[in-house]
């Protein structure tokens, strides 16, 4: 299986930069695993399809979440944030 490219929307990139440094490092490690298979859950890469959305997935890193969509051979992150805030519109 080909590796997926990781991309961010501009708002997701801003939100990612605002995360604590330790959390950013943990997300970066998870991106490596996510790039191999963005749909498979495994240690260090806790992913789940969000209910009520056709192509919205979440990546869990501790108390923080990243929301992404899979487009062909690209993974596009649209949001990052704390679990208490990320699912609010």
N, C-alpha and C. Protein backbone atom coordinates (compact mmCIF):
# COMPACT_ATOMS: atom_id res chain seq x y z
N UNK A 1 0.85 -1.18 0.00
CA UNK A 1 0.00 0.00 0.00
C UNK A 1 0.89 1.24 0.00
N UNK A 2 0.54 2.21 -0.79
CA UNK A 2 1.32 3.45 -0.89
C UNK A 2 1.12 4.31 0.35
N UNK A 3 2.12 5.08 0.66
CA UNK A 3 2.04 5.98 1.81
C UNK A 3 1.14 7.17 1.48
N UNK A 4 0.44 7.66 2.48
CA UNK A 4 -0.42 8.81 2.33
C UNK A 4 0.35 10.07 2.70
N UNK A 5 0.06 11.15 2.01
CA UNK A 5 0.66 12.45 2.31
C UNK A 5 -0.21 13.15 3.36
N UNK A 6 0.43 13.77 4.35
CA UNK A 6 -0.29 14.48 5.41
C UNK A 6 -0.33 15.96 5.04
N UNK A 7 -1.52 16.57 5.10
CA UNK A 7 -1.69 17.98 4.78
C UNK A 7 -2.60 18.62 5.83
N UNK A 8 -2.54 19.93 5.94
CA UNK A 8 -3.33 20.68 6.91
C UNK A 8 -4.05 21.83 6.22
N UNK A 9 -5.26 22.13 6.67
CA UNK A 9 -5.88 23.39 6.25
C UNK A 9 -5.15 24.49 7.01
N UNK A 10 -5.32 25.74 6.59
CA UNK A 10 -4.60 26.83 7.27
C UNK A 10 -5.04 26.97 8.72
N UNK A 11 -6.33 26.79 9.01
CA UNK A 11 -6.79 26.89 10.39
C UNK A 11 -6.28 25.72 11.24
N UNK A 12 -6.19 24.54 10.65
CA UNK A 12 -5.66 23.39 11.38
C UNK A 12 -4.17 23.57 11.67
N UNK A 13 -3.45 24.15 10.72
CA UNK A 13 -2.02 24.39 10.93
C UNK A 13 -1.80 25.36 12.09
N UNK A 14 -2.63 26.40 12.15
CA UNK A 14 -2.55 27.37 13.25
C UNK A 14 -2.86 26.70 14.59
N UNK A 15 -3.92 25.89 14.60
CA UNK A 15 -4.31 25.20 15.83
C UNK A 15 -3.22 24.22 16.27
N UNK A 16 -2.59 23.55 15.31
CA UNK A 16 -1.52 22.60 15.62
C UNK A 16 -0.34 23.31 16.28
N UNK A 17 0.02 24.48 15.77
CA UNK A 17 1.13 25.24 16.34
C UNK A 17 0.84 25.72 17.76
N UNK A 18 -0.45 25.87 18.11
CA UNK A 18 -0.83 26.32 19.44
C UNK A 18 -0.86 25.19 20.48
N UNK A 19 -0.76 23.95 20.04
CA UNK A 19 -0.76 22.83 20.98
C UNK A 19 0.53 22.82 21.79
N UNK A 20 0.49 22.24 23.01
CA UNK A 20 1.73 22.11 23.79
C UNK A 20 2.77 21.30 23.00
N UNK A 21 4.03 21.61 23.21
CA UNK A 21 5.11 20.99 22.45
C UNK A 21 5.10 19.47 22.57
N UNK A 22 4.89 18.95 23.77
CA UNK A 22 4.88 17.50 23.97
C UNK A 22 3.76 16.84 23.15
N UNK A 23 2.62 17.50 23.08
CA UNK A 23 1.49 16.96 22.31
C UNK A 23 1.81 17.00 20.82
N UNK A 24 2.44 18.08 20.35
CA UNK A 24 2.84 18.16 18.94
C UNK A 24 3.79 17.02 18.57
N UNK A 25 4.73 16.71 19.47
CA UNK A 25 5.67 15.61 19.20
C UNK A 25 4.94 14.27 19.12
N UNK A 26 3.96 14.07 20.00
CA UNK A 26 3.20 12.82 19.97
C UNK A 26 2.35 12.71 18.70
N UNK A 27 1.76 13.84 18.27
CA UNK A 27 1.02 13.85 17.01
C UNK A 27 1.96 13.53 15.85
N UNK A 28 3.15 14.11 15.85
CA UNK A 28 4.11 13.88 14.77
C UNK A 28 4.47 12.40 14.66
N UNK A 29 4.64 11.74 15.81
CA UNK A 29 4.93 10.31 15.80
C UNK A 29 3.73 9.53 15.25
N UNK A 30 2.52 9.96 15.60
CA UNK A 30 1.32 9.29 15.10
C UNK A 30 1.14 9.51 13.60
N UNK A 31 1.60 10.67 13.08
CA UNK A 31 1.49 10.94 11.64
C UNK A 31 2.24 9.90 10.81
N UNK A 32 3.36 9.41 11.33
CA UNK A 32 4.14 8.40 10.61
C UNK A 32 3.30 7.13 10.43
N UNK A 33 2.67 6.68 11.50
CA UNK A 33 1.82 5.49 11.42
C UNK A 33 0.58 5.76 10.58
N UNK A 34 0.02 6.95 10.74
CA UNK A 34 -1.19 7.31 10.00
C UNK A 34 -0.93 7.33 8.50
N UNK A 35 0.24 7.76 8.10
CA UNK A 35 0.60 7.81 6.69
C UNK A 35 0.66 6.44 6.04
N UNK A 36 0.88 5.41 6.84
CA UNK A 36 0.92 4.05 6.31
C UNK A 36 -0.49 3.50 6.05
N UNK A 37 -1.40 3.74 6.99
CA UNK A 37 -2.79 3.30 6.84
C UNK A 37 -3.67 4.17 7.73
N UNK A 38 -4.38 5.14 7.16
CA UNK A 38 -5.15 6.09 7.97
C UNK A 38 -6.45 5.54 8.54
N UNK A 39 -6.80 4.31 8.21
CA UNK A 39 -8.06 3.74 8.71
C UNK A 39 -7.86 2.68 9.79
N UNK A 40 -6.62 2.26 10.00
CA UNK A 40 -6.36 1.16 10.92
C UNK A 40 -5.90 1.67 12.28
N UNK A 41 -6.56 1.16 13.31
CA UNK A 41 -6.23 1.51 14.69
C UNK A 41 -5.13 0.59 15.20
N UNK A 42 -4.11 1.18 15.86
CA UNK A 42 -3.01 0.40 16.44
C UNK A 42 -2.35 1.22 17.53
N UNK A 43 -1.49 0.63 18.34
CA UNK A 43 -0.83 1.38 19.42
C UNK A 43 -0.08 2.59 18.86
N UNK A 44 -0.33 3.75 19.45
CA UNK A 44 0.31 4.98 19.00
C UNK A 44 -0.45 5.70 17.92
N UNK A 45 -1.54 5.09 17.47
CA UNK A 45 -2.33 5.69 16.39
C UNK A 45 -3.80 5.30 16.58
N UNK A 46 -4.46 5.96 17.51
CA UNK A 46 -5.85 5.65 17.85
C UNK A 46 -6.77 6.46 16.93
N UNK A 47 -7.31 5.81 15.91
CA UNK A 47 -8.19 6.48 14.95
C UNK A 47 -9.58 5.87 15.01
N UNK A 48 -10.56 6.68 14.63
CA UNK A 48 -11.93 6.20 14.60
C UNK A 48 -12.73 7.05 13.61
N UNK A 49 -13.63 6.42 12.88
CA UNK A 49 -14.53 7.13 11.99
C UNK A 49 -15.58 7.83 12.84
N UNK A 50 -15.80 9.11 12.61
CA UNK A 50 -16.79 9.86 13.39
C UNK A 50 -18.19 9.54 12.88
N UNK A 51 -19.11 9.33 13.80
CA UNK A 51 -20.48 9.02 13.40
C UNK A 51 -21.16 10.28 12.87
N UNK A 52 -22.03 10.10 11.92
CA UNK A 52 -22.77 11.22 11.36
C UNK A 52 -22.02 11.98 10.28
N UNK A 53 -20.82 11.54 9.96
CA UNK A 53 -20.04 12.20 8.91
C UNK A 53 -19.52 11.13 7.95
N UNK A 54 -19.61 11.40 6.68
CA UNK A 54 -19.23 10.40 5.69
C UNK A 54 -17.74 10.12 5.67
N UNK A 55 -16.92 11.15 5.78
CA UNK A 55 -15.48 10.96 5.65
C UNK A 55 -14.72 11.77 6.70
N UNK A 56 -15.19 11.76 7.92
CA UNK A 56 -14.50 12.48 8.99
C UNK A 56 -13.95 11.46 9.99
N UNK A 57 -12.66 11.53 10.21
CA UNK A 57 -11.97 10.63 11.12
C UNK A 57 -11.34 11.45 12.23
N UNK A 58 -11.09 10.80 13.38
CA UNK A 58 -10.40 11.50 14.45
C UNK A 58 -9.18 10.70 14.87
N UNK A 59 -8.12 11.43 15.19
CA UNK A 59 -6.89 10.85 15.71
C UNK A 59 -6.78 11.32 17.15
N UNK A 60 -6.67 10.38 18.09
CA UNK A 60 -6.60 10.71 19.51
C UNK A 60 -5.16 10.62 19.98
N UNK A 61 -4.72 11.70 20.65
CA UNK A 61 -3.40 11.73 21.29
C UNK A 61 -3.63 12.30 22.68
N UNK A 62 -3.72 11.41 23.67
CA UNK A 62 -4.00 11.86 25.03
C UNK A 62 -5.36 12.54 25.09
N UNK A 63 -5.38 13.78 25.62
CA UNK A 63 -6.62 14.55 25.71
C UNK A 63 -6.86 15.41 24.48
N UNK A 64 -6.07 15.26 23.45
CA UNK A 64 -6.17 16.08 22.25
C UNK A 64 -6.63 15.25 21.06
N UNK A 65 -7.31 15.91 20.13
CA UNK A 65 -7.84 15.23 18.96
C UNK A 65 -7.47 16.00 17.70
N UNK A 66 -7.28 15.26 16.63
CA UNK A 66 -7.12 15.84 15.30
C UNK A 66 -8.21 15.26 14.42
N UNK A 67 -8.92 16.11 13.70
CA UNK A 67 -9.99 15.67 12.81
C UNK A 67 -9.45 15.73 11.38
N UNK A 68 -9.65 14.65 10.63
CA UNK A 68 -9.11 14.61 9.27
C UNK A 68 -10.06 13.90 8.32
N UNK A 69 -9.80 14.13 7.04
CA UNK A 69 -10.52 13.47 5.96
C UNK A 69 -9.49 12.78 5.07
N UNK A 70 -9.90 11.69 4.45
CA UNK A 70 -9.01 10.96 3.55
C UNK A 70 -9.45 11.25 2.12
N UNK A 71 -8.53 11.81 1.34
CA UNK A 71 -8.81 12.16 -0.06
C UNK A 71 -7.78 11.46 -0.95
N UNK A 72 -8.20 10.40 -1.63
CA UNK A 72 -7.32 9.63 -2.52
C UNK A 72 -6.06 9.20 -1.78
N UNK A 73 -4.90 9.81 -2.05
CA UNK A 73 -3.66 9.43 -1.36
C UNK A 73 -3.18 10.54 -0.43
N UNK A 74 -4.14 11.33 0.07
CA UNK A 74 -3.81 12.46 0.93
C UNK A 74 -4.70 12.45 2.17
N UNK A 75 -4.13 12.79 3.31
CA UNK A 75 -4.86 12.94 4.56
C UNK A 75 -4.86 14.43 4.87
N UNK A 76 -6.06 15.02 4.98
CA UNK A 76 -6.16 16.46 5.22
C UNK A 76 -6.75 16.71 6.60
N UNK A 77 -5.94 17.28 7.49
CA UNK A 77 -6.41 17.64 8.82
C UNK A 77 -7.14 18.97 8.75
N UNK A 78 -8.31 19.02 9.37
CA UNK A 78 -9.12 20.24 9.36
C UNK A 78 -9.18 20.91 10.71
N UNK A 79 -8.97 20.15 11.79
CA UNK A 79 -9.05 20.72 13.15
C UNK A 79 -8.13 19.98 14.10
N UNK A 80 -7.63 20.70 15.09
CA UNK A 80 -6.91 20.14 16.22
C UNK A 80 -7.42 20.85 17.46
N UNK A 81 -7.48 20.14 18.58
CA UNK A 81 -7.87 20.79 19.81
C UNK A 81 -8.04 19.81 20.95
N UNK A 82 -8.33 20.38 22.12
CA UNK A 82 -8.59 19.58 23.31
C UNK A 82 -9.91 18.86 23.15
N UNK A 83 -10.03 17.72 23.77
CA UNK A 83 -11.23 16.89 23.59
C UNK A 83 -12.51 17.58 24.04
N UNK A 84 -12.41 18.51 25.01
CA UNK A 84 -13.61 19.20 25.49
C UNK A 84 -14.13 20.22 24.48
N UNK A 85 -13.28 20.65 23.54
CA UNK A 85 -13.66 21.69 22.59
C UNK A 85 -13.79 21.22 21.15
N UNK A 86 -13.12 20.16 20.78
CA UNK A 86 -12.95 19.81 19.37
C UNK A 86 -14.25 19.44 18.66
N UNK A 87 -15.22 18.87 19.34
CA UNK A 87 -16.43 18.41 18.67
C UNK A 87 -17.51 19.48 18.61
N UNK A 88 -17.26 20.63 19.21
CA UNK A 88 -18.22 21.74 19.15
C UNK A 88 -18.04 22.48 17.84
N UNK A 89 -19.10 22.96 17.28
CA UNK A 89 -19.02 23.65 15.97
C UNK A 89 -18.57 25.05 16.07
